[in-house]
N, C-alpha and C. Protein backbone atom coordinates (compact mmCIF):
# COMPACT_ATOMS: atom_id res chain seq x y z
N UNK A 1 -13.46 -17.02 14.33
CA UNK A 1 -13.02 -15.99 13.73
C UNK A 1 -14.45 -15.10 13.64
N UNK A 2 -14.58 -14.08 13.81
CA UNK A 2 -15.75 -13.37 13.60
C UNK A 2 -15.55 -12.22 12.59
N UNK A 3 -16.54 -12.08 11.62
CA UNK A 3 -16.43 -11.41 10.53
C UNK A 3 -17.82 -10.42 10.52
N UNK A 4 -17.55 -9.38 10.40
CA UNK A 4 -18.63 -8.16 10.27
C UNK A 4 -18.77 -7.70 9.02
N UNK A 5 -20.19 -7.87 8.27
CA UNK A 5 -20.10 -7.31 6.69
C UNK A 5 -20.76 -6.00 6.77
N UNK A 6 -19.92 -5.15 6.06
CA UNK A 6 -20.54 -3.58 5.61
C UNK A 6 -21.62 -3.88 4.66
N UNK A 7 -21.32 -4.53 3.63
CA UNK A 7 -22.17 -4.55 2.28
C UNK A 7 -22.05 -6.08 2.11
N UNK A 8 -22.85 -6.70 1.28
CA UNK A 8 -22.80 -7.96 0.99
C UNK A 8 -21.76 -8.60 0.62
N UNK A 9 -20.66 -7.70 -0.35
CA UNK A 9 -19.37 -8.27 -0.57
C UNK A 9 -18.39 -7.61 0.12
N UNK A 10 -18.58 -7.09 1.04
CA UNK A 10 -17.45 -6.36 1.82
C UNK A 10 -17.39 -6.96 3.53
N UNK A 11 -16.38 -7.22 3.87
CA UNK A 11 -16.21 -7.63 5.46
C UNK A 11 -15.30 -6.88 6.08
N UNK A 12 -15.35 -6.57 7.54
CA UNK A 12 -14.71 -5.83 8.26
C UNK A 12 -13.61 -6.91 8.70
N UNK A 13 -12.41 -6.36 8.57
CA UNK A 13 -11.16 -7.42 9.14
C UNK A 13 -11.32 -7.64 10.40
N UNK A 14 -11.08 -8.86 10.77
CA UNK A 14 -11.15 -9.28 12.30
C UNK A 14 -9.97 -8.97 12.82
N UNK A 15 -10.23 -8.36 14.26
CA UNK A 15 -9.31 -8.12 15.13
C UNK A 15 -8.21 -8.82 15.19
N UNK A 16 -8.08 -10.18 15.09
CA UNK A 16 -7.24 -11.05 15.51
C UNK A 16 -6.00 -11.02 14.22
N UNK A 17 -6.40 -10.40 13.22
CA UNK A 17 -5.46 -10.16 11.99
C UNK A 17 -5.08 -8.61 11.68
N UNK A 18 -6.12 -7.76 12.28
CA UNK A 18 -5.80 -6.15 11.97
C UNK A 18 -6.21 -5.45 13.14
N UNK A 19 -5.49 -4.34 13.29
CA UNK A 19 -5.66 -3.35 14.36
C UNK A 19 -6.11 -1.85 13.64
N UNK A 20 -7.23 -1.73 14.14
CA UNK A 20 -7.70 -0.65 13.38
C UNK A 20 -8.88 -1.16 12.62
N UNK A 21 -9.64 -0.09 11.90
CA UNK A 21 -10.72 -0.48 11.01
C UNK A 21 -10.03 -0.77 9.56
N UNK A 22 -10.43 -1.73 9.08
CA UNK A 22 -9.95 -2.38 7.95
C UNK A 22 -11.32 -3.27 7.24
N UNK A 23 -11.49 -2.73 5.61
CA UNK A 23 -12.57 -3.33 5.08
C UNK A 23 -11.88 -4.13 3.99
N UNK A 24 -12.34 -5.38 3.68
CA UNK A 24 -11.92 -6.33 2.67
C UNK A 24 -13.18 -6.66 1.58
N UNK A 25 -12.82 -6.59 0.46
CA UNK A 25 -13.77 -6.85 -0.70
C UNK A 25 -12.98 -7.92 -1.47
N UNK A 26 -13.54 -9.45 -1.49
CA UNK A 26 -13.02 -10.36 -2.19
C UNK A 26 -13.00 -10.12 -3.60
N UNK A 27 -12.19 -10.13 -4.59
CA UNK A 27 -12.04 -9.75 -5.95
C UNK A 27 -12.19 -11.19 -6.87
N UNK A 28 -11.50 -12.23 -6.34
CA UNK A 28 -11.28 -13.19 -7.08
C UNK A 28 -10.88 -14.58 -6.07
N UNK A 29 -11.46 -15.52 -6.15
CA UNK A 29 -11.10 -16.81 -5.36
C UNK A 29 -11.31 -18.10 -6.47
N UNK A 30 -10.67 -18.07 -7.23
CA UNK A 30 -10.95 -19.51 -8.36
C UNK A 30 -10.92 -20.78 -7.61
N UNK A 31 -11.48 -21.84 -8.08
CA UNK A 31 -11.57 -22.99 -7.44
C UNK A 31 -10.24 -23.74 -7.49
N UNK A 32 -10.07 -24.49 -6.60
CA UNK A 32 -8.81 -25.52 -6.73
C UNK A 32 -8.40 -26.12 -8.06
N UNK A 33 -7.46 -26.15 -8.30
CA UNK A 33 -6.14 -26.08 -7.64
C UNK A 33 -5.42 -24.71 -7.47
N UNK A 34 -6.20 -23.78 -7.73
CA UNK A 34 -5.58 -22.43 -7.94
C UNK A 34 -5.45 -22.20 -6.31
N UNK A 35 -4.38 -21.37 -6.32
CA UNK A 35 -4.26 -20.87 -4.54
C UNK A 35 -4.50 -19.17 -4.64
N UNK A 36 -5.03 -18.75 -5.75
CA UNK A 36 -5.03 -17.43 -5.58
C UNK A 36 -6.33 -16.94 -4.94
N UNK A 37 -6.13 -15.77 -4.27
CA UNK A 37 -7.22 -15.09 -3.54
C UNK A 37 -6.83 -13.55 -3.78
N UNK A 38 -7.57 -12.95 -4.20
CA UNK A 38 -7.35 -11.43 -4.49
C UNK A 38 -8.43 -10.47 -3.89
N UNK A 39 -7.92 -9.60 -2.80
CA UNK A 39 -8.78 -8.54 -2.05
C UNK A 39 -8.31 -7.24 -2.53
N UNK A 40 -9.49 -6.68 -2.41
CA UNK A 40 -9.30 -5.09 -2.22
C UNK A 40 -9.49 -4.64 -0.82
N UNK A 41 -8.40 -4.19 -0.28
CA UNK A 41 -8.33 -3.84 1.12
C UNK A 41 -8.28 -2.25 1.45
N UNK A 42 -9.21 -2.00 2.22
CA UNK A 42 -9.09 -0.46 2.61
C UNK A 42 -8.97 -0.48 4.17
N UNK A 43 -7.87 0.48 4.48
CA UNK A 43 -7.30 0.50 5.51
C UNK A 43 -7.80 2.13 6.08
N UNK A 44 -8.52 2.08 7.29
CA UNK A 44 -8.63 3.55 7.92
C UNK A 44 -7.38 3.89 8.15
N UNK A 45 -7.20 5.50 8.50
CA UNK A 45 -6.14 6.00 8.94
C UNK A 45 -5.50 5.33 10.32
N UNK A 46 -4.12 4.92 10.12
CA UNK A 46 -3.35 4.19 11.24
C UNK A 46 -3.62 2.63 11.36
N UNK A 47 -4.58 2.13 10.68
CA UNK A 47 -5.11 0.68 10.75
C UNK A 47 -3.75 0.03 10.16
N UNK A 48 -3.67 -1.30 10.26
CA UNK A 48 -2.44 -2.05 9.80
C UNK A 48 -2.80 -3.62 10.23
N UNK A 49 -2.30 -4.64 9.45
CA UNK A 49 -2.34 -5.64 9.65
C UNK A 49 -1.27 -6.16 10.70
N UNK A 50 -1.65 -7.35 11.41
CA UNK A 50 -0.47 -7.99 12.18
C UNK A 50 0.52 -8.43 11.63
N UNK A 51 1.58 -8.60 12.05
CA UNK A 51 2.75 -9.35 11.62
C UNK A 51 2.29 -10.70 11.04
N UNK A 52 2.69 -11.02 9.85
CA UNK A 52 1.93 -12.19 9.13
C UNK A 52 3.11 -12.59 8.13
N UNK A 53 2.97 -13.89 7.73
CA UNK A 53 3.60 -14.35 6.39
C UNK A 53 2.66 -15.08 5.65
N UNK A 54 3.08 -15.33 4.33
CA UNK A 54 2.39 -16.21 3.32
C UNK A 54 3.28 -17.33 2.83
N UNK A 55 2.92 -18.46 2.79
CA UNK A 55 3.89 -19.41 2.22
C UNK A 55 4.13 -19.60 0.81
N UNK A 56 3.33 -18.68 -0.12
CA UNK A 56 3.59 -18.39 -1.39
C UNK A 56 4.18 -16.81 -1.78
N UNK A 57 4.26 -16.12 -0.53
CA UNK A 57 4.68 -14.80 -1.14
C UNK A 57 3.38 -14.00 -1.23
N UNK A 58 3.41 -12.59 -1.27
CA UNK A 58 2.00 -11.85 -1.35
C UNK A 58 2.58 -10.62 -2.23
N UNK A 59 1.63 -10.08 -3.23
CA UNK A 59 1.54 -9.00 -3.87
C UNK A 59 0.97 -8.01 -3.49
N UNK A 60 1.26 -6.85 -3.11
CA UNK A 60 0.33 -5.75 -2.70
C UNK A 60 0.35 -4.67 -3.95
N UNK A 61 -0.49 -4.31 -4.35
CA UNK A 61 -0.79 -3.14 -5.35
C UNK A 61 -1.45 -2.13 -4.91
N UNK A 62 -0.76 -0.79 -4.47
CA UNK A 62 -1.76 -0.04 -4.14
C UNK A 62 -2.24 1.06 -5.05
N UNK A 63 -3.81 1.04 -4.98
CA UNK A 63 -4.58 1.71 -6.02
C UNK A 63 -4.75 3.03 -5.63
N UNK A 64 -4.93 3.29 -4.28
CA UNK A 64 -5.33 4.76 -4.15
C UNK A 64 -4.57 5.07 -2.64
N UNK A 65 -4.33 6.32 -2.33
CA UNK A 65 -3.94 6.63 -0.81
C UNK A 65 -2.51 6.41 -0.80
N UNK A 66 -2.01 6.33 0.59
CA UNK A 66 -0.55 6.17 0.84
C UNK A 66 -0.73 4.91 1.95
N UNK A 67 0.38 4.49 2.24
CA UNK A 67 0.59 3.31 3.31
C UNK A 67 1.88 3.07 3.66
N UNK A 68 1.90 2.22 4.44
CA UNK A 68 3.35 1.72 5.15
C UNK A 68 3.39 0.30 4.89
N UNK A 69 4.77 -0.54 4.94
CA UNK A 69 4.88 -1.69 4.86
C UNK A 69 6.17 -2.12 5.47
N UNK A 70 6.48 -3.10 6.50
CA UNK A 70 7.54 -3.17 6.79
C UNK A 70 7.82 -5.03 6.88
N UNK A 71 9.04 -5.18 6.48
CA UNK A 71 9.58 -6.62 6.49
C UNK A 71 10.25 -6.83 7.91
N UNK A 72 10.18 -8.01 8.47
CA UNK A 72 10.86 -8.09 9.62
C UNK A 72 12.55 -7.88 9.61
N UNK A 73 13.07 -6.98 10.66
CA UNK A 73 14.24 -6.67 10.37
C UNK A 73 14.65 -5.46 9.21
N UNK A 74 13.56 -5.16 8.76
CA UNK A 74 13.81 -3.69 7.72
C UNK A 74 13.31 -2.60 8.21
N UNK A 75 13.64 -1.38 7.45
CA UNK A 75 12.86 -0.15 7.82
C UNK A 75 11.54 -0.40 7.38
N UNK A 76 10.66 0.41 7.90
CA UNK A 76 9.15 0.94 7.39
C UNK A 76 9.45 1.65 6.14
N UNK A 77 8.56 1.39 5.18
CA UNK A 77 8.81 1.96 3.98
C UNK A 77 7.41 2.41 3.49
N UNK A 78 7.39 3.58 2.80
CA UNK A 78 6.12 4.41 2.46
C UNK A 78 5.64 3.67 1.19
N UNK A 79 4.31 3.69 0.83
CA UNK A 79 3.84 3.11 -0.29
C UNK A 79 2.71 4.09 -0.85
N UNK A 80 2.65 4.33 -1.99
CA UNK A 80 1.68 5.01 -2.26
C UNK A 80 0.99 4.56 -3.86
N UNK A 81 0.03 5.28 -4.22
CA UNK A 81 -0.90 4.89 -5.48
C UNK A 81 0.08 4.48 -6.69
N UNK A 82 -0.15 3.41 -7.13
CA UNK A 82 0.71 2.88 -8.18
C UNK A 82 1.77 2.03 -7.91
N UNK A 83 2.07 1.92 -6.69
CA UNK A 83 3.32 1.20 -6.17
C UNK A 83 2.78 -0.29 -6.15
N UNK A 84 3.78 -1.17 -6.47
CA UNK A 84 3.58 -2.65 -6.26
C UNK A 84 4.75 -3.19 -5.60
N UNK A 85 4.21 -3.99 -4.57
CA UNK A 85 5.38 -4.34 -3.69
C UNK A 85 5.24 -6.06 -3.31
N UNK A 86 6.50 -6.73 -3.59
CA UNK A 86 6.33 -8.30 -3.84
C UNK A 86 7.02 -8.48 -2.12
N UNK A 87 6.39 -9.48 -1.50
CA UNK A 87 6.82 -10.02 -0.23
C UNK A 87 7.05 -11.51 -0.54
N UNK A 88 8.34 -11.68 -0.34
CA UNK A 88 8.82 -13.08 -0.65
C UNK A 88 8.10 -14.30 0.21
N UNK A 89 7.87 -15.30 -0.13
CA UNK A 89 7.46 -16.42 0.53
C UNK A 89 7.97 -16.84 2.03
N UNK A 90 7.26 -16.94 2.75
CA UNK A 90 7.53 -16.82 4.34
C UNK A 90 8.02 -15.80 4.75
N UNK A 91 8.18 -14.60 4.37
CA UNK A 91 8.72 -13.31 4.78
C UNK A 91 7.77 -12.96 5.55
N UNK A 92 8.21 -12.51 7.04
CA UNK A 92 7.44 -11.77 8.15
C UNK A 92 7.33 -10.42 7.96
N UNK A 93 5.83 -9.68 7.95
CA UNK A 93 5.45 -8.25 7.35
C UNK A 93 4.31 -7.94 7.74
N UNK A 94 4.18 -6.48 7.82
CA UNK A 94 2.84 -6.10 8.11
C UNK A 94 2.73 -4.91 7.23
N UNK A 95 1.39 -4.37 6.91
CA UNK A 95 1.30 -3.19 5.92
C UNK A 95 -0.20 -2.68 6.60
N UNK A 96 -0.23 -1.53 6.12
CA UNK A 96 -1.47 -0.59 6.39
C UNK A 96 -1.41 0.88 6.09
N UNK A 97 -2.07 1.67 6.71
CA UNK A 97 -2.36 3.07 6.16
C UNK A 97 -1.47 3.93 7.33
C-alpha cells in the first residue's frame, strides 16, 4: 500500500481503499489489547470508500458537511453533521461525500 502524506499527521487515502481524494488523520490508536483506531476522514466531493466490512463493526460520526452511506442490499442514506451511524460487525458498506 502506498500512502502519500499531506502534513506529518495526515495521509492521502490509498486508491485500493478509496475512490477520489480522501485525507485521513489518525486521532487515536491505543496499544494492544485495544482494537480501537480512530480517524478524522475528509472526503472531497464525490470521493468514497470501496465496499468493505469491519469484524467488530464501525461507528461513523459526521463532524461537518454532508455525505452518503450504503449497506449492502440497502438504500443509499444521506448523512449530515451531527449524525452518528453504527455499522454492524461484518456488514458490507461504503461511505463518502
